[in-house]
C-alpha atoms as a PDB file:
ATOM      1  CA  PHE A   1      30.351 -17.881 -14.805  1.00  0.00           C
ATOM      2  CA  SER A   2      31.253 -14.957 -12.665  1.00  0.00           C
ATOM      3  CA  VAL A   3      31.568 -12.667 -15.631  1.00  0.00           C
ATOM      4  CA  ALA A   4      28.183 -13.582 -16.988  1.00  0.00           C
ATOM      5  CA  ALA A   5      26.744 -13.038 -13.525  1.00  0.00           C
ATOM      6  CA  HIS A   6      28.410  -9.599 -13.290  1.00  0.00           C
ATOM      7  CA  LEU A   7      27.018  -8.683 -16.877  1.00  0.00           C
ATOM      8  CA  GLY A   8      23.564  -9.904 -15.963  1.00  0.00           C
ATOM      9  CA  LEU A   9      23.572  -7.986 -12.690  1.00  0.00           C
ATOM     10  CA  GLY A  10      24.839  -4.803 -14.482  1.00  0.00           C
ATOM     11  CA  ALA A  11      21.927  -5.003 -17.083  1.00  0.00           C
ATOM     12  CA  MET A  12      19.375  -5.468 -14.479  1.00  0.00           C
ATOM     13  CA  GLN A  13      20.702  -2.353 -12.457  1.00  0.00           C
ATOM     14  CA  ARG A  14      20.602  -0.259 -15.735  1.00  0.00           C
ATOM     15  CA  ARG A  15      16.992  -1.388 -16.225  1.00  0.00           C
ATOM     16  CA  ASP A  16      15.947  -0.564 -12.667  1.00  0.00           C
ATOM     17  CA  VAL A  17      17.494   2.943 -13.103  1.00  0.00           C
ATOM     18  CA  ARG A  18      15.730   3.445 -16.382  1.00  0.00           C
ATOM     19  CA  LEU A  19      12.379   2.366 -15.042  1.00  0.00           C
ATOM     20  CA  ARG A  20      12.873   4.442 -11.928  1.00  0.00           C
ATOM     21  CA  ARG A  21      13.671   7.490 -14.298  1.00  0.00           C
ATOM     22  CA  GLU A  22      10.628   6.907 -16.346  1.00  0.00           C
ATOM     23  CA  TYR A  23       8.372   6.652 -13.162  1.00  0.00           C
ATOM     24  CA  LEU A  24       9.618   9.966 -11.823  1.00  0.00           C
ATOM     25  CA  TYR A  25       9.186  11.603 -15.058  1.00  0.00           C
ATOM     26  CA  ARG A  26       5.512  10.268 -15.217  1.00  0.00           C
ATOM     27  CA  LYS A  27       4.842  11.692 -11.813  1.00  0.00           C
ATOM     28  CA  SER A  28       6.213  15.060 -12.817  1.00  0.00           C
ATOM     29  CA  LEU A  29       3.822  15.109 -15.809  1.00  0.00           C
ATOM     30  CA  GLU A  30       0.941  14.047 -13.634  1.00  0.00           C
ATOM     31  CA  ALA A  31       1.432  17.164 -11.212  1.00  0.00           C
ATOM     32  CA  LYS A  32       1.292  19.446 -14.406  1.00  0.00           C
ATOM     33  CA  GLU A  33      -1.790  17.646 -15.733  1.00  0.00           C
ATOM     34  CA  GLN A  34      -3.465  17.841 -12.471  1.00  0.00           C
ATOM     35  CA  ALA A  35      -3.006  21.631 -12.219  1.00  0.00           C
ATOM     36  CA  LEU A  36      -4.469  21.881 -15.907  1.00  0.00           C
ATOM     37  CA  LEU A  37      -7.455  19.861 -14.951  1.00  0.00           C
ATOM     38  CA  THR A  38      -8.046  21.963 -11.983  1.00  0.00           C
ATOM     39  CA  ARG A  39      -8.056  25.169 -14.174  1.00  0.00           C
ATOM     40  CA  LYS A  40     -10.363  23.623 -16.610  1.00  0.00           C
ATOM     41  CA  ARG A  41     -12.671  22.529 -13.870  1.00  0.00           C
ATOM     42  CA  GLN A  42     -12.846  26.030 -12.351  1.00  0.00           C
ATOM     43  CA  LEU A  43     -13.633  27.530 -15.953  1.00  0.00           C
ATOM     44  CA  LYS A  44     -16.261  24.976 -16.610  1.00  0.00           C
ATOM     45  CA  GLU A  45     -17.956  25.717 -13.295  1.00  0.00           C
ATOM     46  CA  ALA A  46     -17.833  29.394 -13.843  1.00  0.00           C
ATOM     47  CA  LEU A  47     -19.368  28.919 -17.441  1.00  0.00           C
ATOM     48  CA  ASP A  48     -21.945  26.382 -16.179  1.00  0.00           C
ATOM     49  CA  SER A  49     -23.297  28.774 -13.491  1.00  0.00           C
ATOM     50  CA  ASP A  50     -23.141  32.131 -15.464  1.00  0.00           C
ATOM     51  CA  LYS A  51     -20.495  33.502 -13.124  1.00  0.00           C
ATOM     52  CA  PRO A  52     -17.509  35.727 -14.148  1.00  0.00           C
ATOM     53  CA  ILE A  53     -14.395  33.821 -15.082  1.00  0.00           C
ATOM     54  CA  PRO A  54     -11.848  33.861 -12.487  1.00  0.00           C
ATOM     55  CA  THR A  55      -9.332  36.676 -12.807  1.00  0.00           C
ATOM     56  CA  GLU A  56      -6.384  34.138 -12.858  1.00  0.00           C
ATOM     57  CA  LEU A  57      -7.916  32.222 -15.721  1.00  0.00           C
ATOM     58  CA  ARG A  58      -8.941  35.247 -18.001  1.00  0.00           C
ATOM     59  CA  LYS A  59      -5.579  35.266 -19.845  1.00  0.00           C
ATOM     60  CA  ASP A  60      -5.891  31.491 -20.902  1.00  0.00           C
ATOM     61  CA  ALA A  61      -9.642  31.254 -20.980  1.00  0.00           C
ATOM     62  CA  HIS A  62      -9.903  31.022 -24.695  1.00  0.00           C
ATOM     63  CA  GLU A  63      -7.358  28.189 -24.955  1.00  0.00           C
ATOM     64  CA  LEU A  64      -8.955  26.349 -21.851  1.00  0.00           C
ATOM     65  CA  LYS A  65     -12.455  26.567 -23.415  1.00  0.00           C
ATOM     66  CA  ARG A  66     -11.141  25.069 -26.693  1.00  0.00           C
ATOM     67  CA  ASP A  67      -9.568  22.145 -24.777  1.00  0.00           C
ATOM     68  CA  LEU A  68     -12.819  21.764 -22.749  1.00  0.00           C
ATOM     69  CA  ALA A  69     -14.850  21.347 -26.043  1.00  0.00           C
ATOM     70  CA  LEU A  70     -12.459  18.604 -27.170  1.00  0.00           C
ATOM     71  CA  ASP A  71     -12.101  16.606 -23.870  1.00  0.00           C
ATOM     72  CA  ASP A  72     -14.057  13.358 -23.385  1.00  0.00           C
ATOM     73  CA  PRO A  73     -16.209  13.739 -20.226  1.00  0.00           C
ATOM     74  CA  ASP A  74     -16.088   9.980 -19.657  1.00  0.00           C
ATOM     75  CA  GLU A  75     -12.417   9.741 -20.263  1.00  0.00           C
ATOM     76  CA  HIS A  76     -10.526   8.246 -17.234  1.00  0.00           C
ATOM     77  CA  LYS A  77      -7.333  10.223 -16.556  1.00  0.00           C
ATOM     78  CA  SER A  78      -4.674   7.939 -15.651  1.00  0.00           C
ATOM     79  CA  ASN A  79      -2.100   8.714 -13.110  1.00  0.00           C
ATOM     80  CA  VAL A  80       0.940   7.224 -11.237  1.00  0.00           C
ATOM     81  CA  LEU A  81      -1.363   5.331  -9.124  1.00  0.00           C
ATOM     82  CA  ASP A  82      -2.893   3.566 -12.045  1.00  0.00           C
ATOM     83  CA  ASP A  83       0.693   2.564 -13.095  1.00  0.00           C
ATOM     84  CA  GLU A  84       1.809   1.374  -9.721  1.00  0.00           C
ATOM     85  CA  TYR A  85      -1.081  -1.185  -9.447  1.00  0.00           C
ATOM     86  CA  ALA A  86      -1.875  -1.783 -13.136  1.00  0.00           C
ATOM     87  CA  SER A  87      -1.854  -5.571 -12.881  1.00  0.00           C
ATOM     88  CA  ALA A  88      -4.093  -5.620  -9.620  1.00  0.00           C
ATOM     89  CA  GLY A  89      -7.089  -8.027 -10.119  1.00  0.00           C
ATOM     90  CA  VAL A  90      -5.395  -9.414 -13.266  1.00  0.00           C
ATOM     91  CA  THR A  91      -2.416 -11.233 -11.651  1.00  0.00           C
ATOM     92  CA  ASP A  92      -2.362 -12.390  -7.941  1.00  0.00           C
ATOM     93  CA  PRO A  93       0.100 -10.558  -5.807  1.00  0.00           C
ATOM     94  CA  ARG A  94       3.236 -12.437  -4.472  1.00  0.00           C
ATOM     95  CA  ILE A  95       4.582 -11.168  -1.200  1.00  0.00           C
ATOM     96  CA  LEU A  96       8.219 -11.761   0.297  1.00  0.00           C
ATOM     97  CA  ILE A  97       7.939 -11.348   3.947  1.00  0.00           C
ATOM     98  CA  THR A  98      10.990 -11.181   6.399  1.00  0.00           C
ATOM     99  CA  THR A  99      12.388  -9.674   9.601  1.00  0.00           C
ATOM    100  CA  SER A 100      14.958  -7.289  10.729  1.00  0.00           C
ATOM    101  CA  HIS A 101      18.403  -8.747  11.529  1.00  0.00           C
ATOM    102  CA  ASP A 102      18.807 -11.208  14.260  1.00  0.00           C
ATOM    103  CA  PRO A 103      14.966 -11.719  15.130  1.00  0.00           C
ATOM    104  CA  SER A 104      13.738 -13.036  18.455  1.00  0.00           C
ATOM    105  CA  SER A 105      11.682 -16.152  18.809  1.00  0.00           C
ATOM    106  CA  LYS A 106       8.485 -14.029  19.245  1.00  0.00           C
ATOM    107  CA  LEU A 107       9.107 -12.024  16.138  1.00  0.00           C
ATOM    108  CA  THR A 108       9.737 -15.177  14.187  1.00  0.00           C
ATOM    109  CA  GLN A 109       6.453 -16.676  15.417  1.00  0.00           C
ATOM    110  CA  PHE A 110       4.875 -13.497  14.253  1.00  0.00           C
ATOM    111  CA  LEU A 111       6.269 -13.707  10.830  1.00  0.00           C
ATOM    112  CA  LYS A 112       4.974 -17.263  10.412  1.00  0.00           C
ATOM    113  CA  GLU A 113       1.565 -16.283  11.423  1.00  0.00           C
ATOM    114  CA  LEU A 114       1.602 -13.397   9.018  1.00  0.00           C
ATOM    115  CA  ARG A 115       2.606 -15.668   6.293  1.00  0.00           C
ATOM    116  CA  LEU A 116      -0.634 -17.589   6.737  1.00  0.00           C
ATOM    117  CA  VAL A 117      -2.648 -14.359   6.653  1.00  0.00           C
ATOM    118  CA  PHE A 118      -1.503 -13.169   3.284  1.00  0.00           C
ATOM    119  CA  PRO A 119      -1.918 -15.519   0.384  1.00  0.00           C
ATOM    120  CA  ASN A 120       0.888 -16.251  -2.110  1.00  0.00           C
ATOM    121  CA  CYS A 121       3.324 -15.298   0.697  1.00  0.00           C
ATOM    122  CA  HIS A 122       6.872 -16.531   0.991  1.00  0.00           C
ATOM    123  CA  ARG A 123       9.021 -16.236   4.169  1.00  0.00           C
ATOM    124  CA  MET A 124      12.666 -15.510   4.012  1.00  0.00           C
ATOM    125  CA  ASN A 125      15.143 -15.853   6.748  1.00  0.00           C
ATOM    126  CA  ARG A 126      17.011 -12.414   6.757  1.00  0.00           C
ATOM    127  CA  GLY A 127      20.409 -13.538   8.045  1.00  0.00           C
ATOM    128  CA  GLY A 128      22.974 -10.817   7.062  1.00  0.00           C
ATOM    129  CA  THR A 129      21.099  -9.846   3.879  1.00  0.00           C
ATOM    130  CA  SER A 130      21.280  -6.032   3.219  1.00  0.00           C
ATOM    131  CA  MET A 131      18.193  -3.889   2.288  1.00  0.00           C
ATOM    132  CA  LYS A 132      19.513  -3.518  -1.329  1.00  0.00           C
ATOM    133  CA  GLU A 133      20.163  -7.182  -1.718  1.00  0.00           C
ATOM    134  CA  LEU A 134      16.659  -7.849  -0.303  1.00  0.00           C
ATOM    135  CA  VAL A 135      15.045  -5.579  -2.751  1.00  0.00           C
ATOM    136  CA  ASP A 136      17.126  -7.065  -5.693  1.00  0.00           C
ATOM    137  CA  VAL A 137      15.915 -10.597  -4.733  1.00  0.00           C
ATOM    138  CA  THR A 138      12.195  -9.368  -4.589  1.00  0.00           C
ATOM    139  CA  LYS A 139      12.469  -7.882  -7.977  1.00  0.00           C
ATOM    140  CA  GLY A 140      14.525 -10.658  -9.485  1.00  0.00           C
ATOM    141  CA  GLU A 141      12.188 -13.328  -8.271  1.00  0.00           C
ATOM    142  CA  GLY A 142       9.011 -11.662  -9.505  1.00  0.00           C
ATOM    143  CA  PHE A 143       7.540 -10.652  -6.286  1.00  0.00           C
ATOM    144  CA  THR A 144       4.988  -7.861  -6.214  1.00  0.00           C
ATOM    145  CA  ASP A 145       5.478  -6.762  -2.500  1.00  0.00           C
ATOM    146  CA  LEU A 146       8.117  -6.723   0.204  1.00  0.00           C
ATOM    147  CA  MET A 147       7.003  -6.803   3.867  1.00  0.00           C
ATOM    148  CA  ILE A 148       9.365  -6.331   6.608  1.00  0.00           C
ATOM    149  CA  VAL A 149       8.673  -6.729  10.319  1.00  0.00           C
ATOM    150  CA  HIS A 150      10.719  -5.091  12.991  1.00  0.00           C
ATOM    151  CA  GLU A 151      10.916  -5.424  16.821  1.00  0.00           C
ATOM    152  CA  THR A 152      12.094  -3.596  19.943  1.00  0.00           C
ATOM    153  CA  ARG A 153      13.063  -5.884  22.949  1.00  0.00           C
ATOM    154  CA  GLY A 154      11.241  -8.840  21.682  1.00  0.00           C
ATOM    155  CA  LYS A 155       7.941  -7.050  20.862  1.00  0.00           C
ATOM    156  CA  PRO A 156       6.922  -6.438  16.985  1.00  0.00           C
ATOM    157  CA  ASP A 157       6.731  -2.780  16.685  1.00  0.00           C
ATOM    158  CA  GLY A 158       7.313  -1.895  12.969  1.00  0.00           C
ATOM    159  CA  LEU A 159       6.127  -3.004   9.746  1.00  0.00           C
ATOM    160  CA  ILE A 160       7.190  -1.844   6.077  1.00  0.00           C
ATOM    161  CA  VAL A 161       5.026  -2.643   3.097  1.00  0.00           C
ATOM    162  CA  SER A 162       6.871  -1.912  -0.192  1.00  0.00           C
ATOM    163  CA  HIS A 163       5.363  -2.198  -3.824  1.00  0.00           C
ATOM    164  CA  MET A 164       7.729  -3.489  -6.598  1.00  0.00           C
ATOM    165  CA  PRO A 165       9.298  -2.268  -8.475  1.00  0.00           C
ATOM    166  CA  ASN A 166       9.040   1.440  -8.014  1.00  0.00           C
ATOM    167  CA  GLY A 167       7.064   1.845  -4.716  1.00  0.00           C
ATOM    168  CA  PRO A 168       5.263   3.216  -2.995  1.00  0.00           C
ATOM    169  CA  THR A 169       6.499   2.195   0.445  1.00  0.00           C
ATOM    170  CA  ALA A 170       4.459   2.430   3.588  1.00  0.00           C
ATOM    171  CA  TYR A 171       6.031   2.561   7.166  1.00  0.00           C
ATOM    172  CA  PHE A 172       3.640   1.662  10.193  1.00  0.00           C
ATOM    173  CA  ASN A 173       4.361   1.428  13.905  1.00  0.00           C
ATOM    174  CA  LEU A 174       2.716  -1.589  15.418  1.00  0.00           C
ATOM    175  CA  SER A 175       1.200  -1.953  18.917  1.00  0.00           C
ATOM    176  CA  ASN A 176      -0.947  -4.235  20.927  1.00  0.00           C
ATOM    177  CA  THR A 177       0.172  -7.253  19.004  1.00  0.00           C
ATOM    178  CA  ILE A 178      -1.345 -10.428  20.033  1.00  0.00           C
ATOM    179  CA  LEU A 179      -0.410 -13.782  18.412  1.00  0.00           C
ATOM    180  CA  ARG A 180      -2.528 -16.670  17.329  1.00  0.00           C
ATOM    181  CA  HIS A 181      -1.715 -18.897  20.232  1.00  0.00           C
ATOM    182  CA  ASP A 182      -2.572 -16.084  22.636  1.00  0.00           C
ATOM    183  CA  ILE A 183      -6.171 -15.886  21.589  1.00  0.00           C
ATOM    184  CA  GLU A 184      -8.538 -18.384  23.000  1.00  0.00           C
ATOM    185  CA  GLY A 185     -10.733 -20.501  20.825  1.00  0.00           C
ATOM    186  CA  THR A 186      -8.918 -20.103  17.605  1.00  0.00           C
ATOM    187  CA  VAL A 187      -9.654 -22.496  14.808  1.00  0.00           C
ATOM    188  CA  ASN A 188      -7.440 -23.869  11.891  1.00  0.00           C
ATOM    189  CA  MET A 189      -6.544 -21.394   9.344  1.00  0.00           C
ATOM    190  CA  PRO A 190      -8.581 -22.044   6.033  1.00  0.00           C
ATOM    191  CA  GLU A 191      -6.433 -21.420   2.886  1.00  0.00           C
ATOM    192  CA  VAL A 192      -9.354 -19.627   0.805  1.00  0.00           C
ATOM    193  CA  PHE A 193      -8.720 -16.110  -0.145  1.00  0.00           C
ATOM    194  CA  PRO A 194     -10.362 -13.682   2.418  1.00  0.00           C
ATOM    195  CA  HIS A 195     -13.177 -10.904   1.870  1.00  0.00           C
ATOM    196  CA  LEU A 196     -11.708  -7.519   2.678  1.00  0.00           C
ATOM    197  CA  ILE A 197     -13.301  -4.781   4.790  1.00  0.00           C
ATOM    198  CA  PHE A 198     -11.803  -1.291   4.883  1.00  0.00           C
ATOM    199  CA  GLU A 199     -13.686   1.220   7.177  1.00  0.00           C
ATOM    200  CA  ASN A 200     -13.294   4.970   7.608  1.00  0.00           C
ATOM    201  CA  PHE A 201     -10.499   5.669   5.071  1.00  0.00           C
ATOM    202  CA  SER A 202     -11.887   9.021   3.946  1.00  0.00           C
ATOM    203  CA  THR A 203      -8.954  11.281   3.198  1.00  0.00           C
ATOM    204  CA  PRO A 204      -6.798  10.993   0.040  1.00  0.00           C
ATOM    205  CA  LEU A 205      -3.948   9.659   2.097  1.00  0.00           C
ATOM    206  CA  GLY A 206      -6.483   7.184   3.840  1.00  0.00           C
ATOM    207  CA  LYS A 207      -7.540   6.009   0.267  1.00  0.00           C
ATOM    208  CA  ARG A 208      -3.650   5.696  -0.389  1.00  0.00           C
ATOM    209  CA  VAL A 209      -3.207   3.460   2.582  1.00  0.00           C
ATOM    210  CA  SER A 210      -6.280   1.207   1.880  1.00  0.00           C
ATOM    211  CA  THR A 211      -4.883   0.929  -1.779  1.00  0.00           C
ATOM    212  CA  VAL A 212      -1.487  -0.369  -0.495  1.00  0.00           C
ATOM    213  CA  LEU A 213      -2.871  -2.872   2.033  1.00  0.00           C
ATOM    214  CA  LYS A 214      -5.807  -4.220  -0.067  1.00  0.00           C
ATOM    215  CA  HIS A 215      -3.550  -5.031  -3.004  1.00  0.00           C
ATOM    216  CA  LEU A 216      -1.759  -7.486  -0.783  1.00  0.00           C
ATOM    217  CA  PHE A 217      -4.529  -9.810  -1.277  1.00  0.00           C
ATOM    218  CA  PRO A 218      -5.930 -11.465  -4.391  1.00  0.00           C
ATOM    219  CA  VAL A 219      -9.471 -11.408  -5.541  1.00  0.00           C
ATOM    220  CA  CYS A 220     -11.507 -13.836  -3.253  1.00  0.00           C
ATOM    221  CA  ARG A 221     -14.415 -16.267  -4.225  1.00  0.00           C
ATOM    222  CA  ALA A 222     -17.849 -15.052  -3.243  1.00  0.00           C
ATOM    223  CA  ASP A 223     -18.229 -18.086  -0.934  1.00  0.00           C
ATOM    224  CA  SER A 224     -15.122 -17.420   1.093  1.00  0.00           C
ATOM    225  CA  THR A 225     -15.671 -17.752   4.770  1.00  0.00           C
ATOM    226  CA  ARG A 226     -12.416 -15.586   5.638  1.00  0.00           C
ATOM    227  CA  VAL A 227     -12.515 -11.999   6.309  1.00  0.00           C
ATOM    228  CA  VAL A 228      -9.644  -9.560   7.105  1.00  0.00           C
ATOM    229  CA  SER A 229     -10.928  -6.112   8.316  1.00  0.00           C
ATOM    230  CA  CYS A 230      -8.855  -2.958   8.607  1.00  0.00           C
ATOM    231  CA  VAL A 231     -10.839  -0.386  10.698  1.00  0.00           C
ATOM    232  CA  ASN A 232      -9.476   3.219  11.157  1.00  0.00           C
ATOM    233  CA  ARG A 233     -10.259   4.952  14.370  1.00  0.00           C
ATOM    234  CA  GLU A 234      -8.309   8.099  15.244  1.00  0.00           C
ATOM    235  CA  ASP A 235      -5.597   7.130  12.559  1.00  0.00           C
ATOM    236  CA  TYR A 236      -4.937   3.862  14.391  1.00  0.00           C
ATOM    237  CA  VAL A 237      -5.814   1.084  11.893  1.00  0.00           C
ATOM    238  CA  SER A 238      -6.962  -2.027  13.796  1.00  0.00           C
ATOM    239  CA  PHE A 239      -6.134  -5.281  11.943  1.00  0.00           C
ATOM    240  CA  ARG A 240      -8.495  -8.250  12.455  1.00  0.00           C
ATOM    241  CA  HIS A 241      -8.680 -11.554  11.136  1.00  0.00           C
ATOM    242  CA  HIS A 242     -11.915 -13.731  11.343  1.00  0.00           C
ATOM    243  CA  VAL A 243     -13.792 -16.758   9.844  1.00  0.00           C
ATOM    244  CA  TYR A 244     -17.416 -17.087   9.889  1.00  0.00           C
ATOM    245  CA  LYS A 245     -20.030 -19.713  10.035  1.00  0.00           C
ATOM    246  CA  LYS A 246     -23.495 -19.251   8.939  1.00  0.00           C
ATOM    247  CA  GLN A 247     -25.960 -21.114  11.372  1.00  0.00           C
ATOM    248  CA  SER A 248     -29.078 -19.987   9.945  1.00  0.00           C
ATOM    249  CA  HIS A 249     -30.439 -17.491   7.425  1.00  0.00           C
ATOM    250  CA  ASN A 250     -30.198 -14.734   9.961  1.00  0.00           C
ATOM    251  CA  THR A 251     -27.522 -15.785  12.344  1.00  0.00           C
ATOM    252  CA  VAL A 252     -23.726 -16.078  11.956  1.00  0.00           C
ATOM    253  CA  ASP A 253     -20.985 -17.221  14.112  1.00  0.00           C
ATOM    254  CA  LEU A 254     -17.669 -15.117  13.939  1.00  0.00           C
ATOM    255  CA  LEU A 255     -14.396 -16.717  15.087  1.00  0.00           C
ATOM    256  CA  GLU A 256     -11.128 -14.716  15.494  1.00  0.00           C
ATOM    257  CA  LEU A 257      -8.240 -16.430  13.692  1.00  0.00           C
ATOM    258  CA  GLY A 258      -5.497 -13.917  14.698  1.00  0.00           C
ATOM    259  CA  PRO A 259      -3.100 -12.408  14.659  1.00  0.00           C
ATOM    260  CA  ARG A 260      -4.297  -8.957  15.757  1.00  0.00           C
ATOM    261  CA  PHE A 261      -2.589  -5.606  16.090  1.00  0.00           C
ATOM    262  CA  GLU A 262      -2.781  -1.824  15.671  1.00  0.00           C
ATOM    263  CA  MET A 263      -1.048   0.054  12.841  1.00  0.00           C
ATOM    264  CA  LYS A 264      -0.064   3.713  12.941  1.00  0.00           C
ATOM    265  CA  LEU A 265       1.171   5.266   9.700  1.00  0.00           C
ATOM    266  CA  TYR A 266       4.254   7.424   9.950  1.00  0.00           C
ATOM    267  CA  GLN A 267       5.620   7.565   6.419  1.00  0.00           C
ATOM    268  CA  VAL A 268       4.797   7.003   2.705  1.00  0.00           C
ATOM    269  CA  LYS A 269       7.827   7.175   0.257  1.00  0.00           C
ATOM    270  CA  LEU A 270       7.661   7.136  -3.466  1.00  0.00           C
ATOM    271  CA  GLY A 271      10.289   4.435  -3.904  1.00  0.00           C
ATOM    272  CA  THR A 272      11.619   1.281  -2.379  1.00  0.00           C
ATOM    273  CA  PRO A 273      13.230   0.969   1.094  1.00  0.00           C
ATOM    274  CA  GLU A 274      16.762   1.107  -0.060  1.00  0.00           C
ATOM    275  CA  GLN A 275      16.328   4.315  -1.995  1.00  0.00           C
ATOM    276  CA  ALA A 276      17.614   7.001   0.485  1.00  0.00           C
ATOM    277  CA  GLU A 277      17.081   9.603  -2.273  1.00  0.00           C
ATOM    278  CA  ALA A 278      13.263   8.745  -2.901  1.00  0.00           C
ATOM    279  CA  GLU A 279      10.801  11.445  -2.344  1.00  0.00           C
ATOM    280  CA  ASN A 280       8.657  11.409   0.720  1.00  0.00           C
ATOM    281  CA  GLU A 281       4.981  11.430  -0.315  1.00  0.00           C
ATOM    282  CA  TRP A 282       3.944  11.914   3.372  1.00  0.00           C
ATOM    283  CA  VAL A 283       5.582  11.873   6.664  1.00  0.00           C
ATOM    284  CA  LEU A 284       4.090  12.245  10.265  1.00  0.00           C
ATOM    285  CA  ARG A 285       5.776  15.275  11.855  1.00  0.00           C
ATOM    286  CA  PRO A 286       6.003  15.928  15.734  1.00  0.00           C
ATOM    287  CA  TYR A 287       3.496  18.804  15.720  1.00  0.00           C
ATOM    288  CA  MET A 288       0.779  16.613  14.197  1.00  0.00           C
ATOM    289  CA  ASN A 289       0.563  14.589  17.160  1.00  0.00           C
ATOM    290  CA  THR A 290      -0.815  17.678  19.064  1.00  0.00           C
ATOM    291  CA  ALA A 291      -3.423  18.424  16.421  1.00  0.00           C
ATOM    292  CA  LYS A 292      -6.259  16.506  18.064  1.00  0.00           C
ATOM    293  CA  LYS A 293      -8.902  17.537  15.497  1.00  0.00           C
ATOM    294  CA  ARG A 294      -6.944  16.678  12.446  1.00  0.00           C
ATOM    295  CA  LYS A 295      -7.297  13.296  11.079  1.00  0.00           C
ATOM    296  CA  VAL A 296      -4.923  12.201   8.400  1.00  0.00           C
ATOM    297  CA  LEU A 297      -6.491   8.920   7.361  1.00  0.00           C
END
């Protein structure tokens, strides 16, 4: 049994390495393709407006013009993001959620409430499980995403969201966390899939973050009464969870289900949490905190 298990584990590790290598190769090709598309776009704009061809394009203008004539204007250019979430909307996401080692009672309660927020979410007691073992379990059991909640002195203050099998992984700071039982007038949690509201995610990084978050939820029915909203203000994402009840044709009662918290993105990594060598797609730097007019999301 041990030999068979060892062989099976070795085969799975080799498969993960191969898939990771293919993912990085596709990403390198995407960068080259994006540069070529930019050059084609510049040439097309110059030709359409009867302006001189930019100097840096004149050497390759003939070849670029020939490629433009062969391109399909309605063709969708696939990229790594398409590959990462290729099954979104086709199959429902399955989430494994856990905590840091030795969680407090408040963090455990927060974990239980988050499990109710996300459909098809399974809670796991972390124990002494290492990060690599945790990722291996997530991949091996067919989960699409891994969520890890952290704390400092009994207060939930960190959230990791990692998409399987190759990433991306988004890291958030949490603040102003209020649990369900601390909110007055909460009602029972319905099990229907929620509607999603994402507001003010206008930059490419903002759209990236909204993609990571919205694909944690399956497609809902039109008559669902649950609403999950993520509203970006000053690069802080306010997470709210409500249920509504229609009283008449023009009045609606909105009741908060909880929990509620604020999220601050500080890193996006092109890989899973245990991969120390994975490339950083974006990292919050200290000098960015002083750039008041710059909004990253």
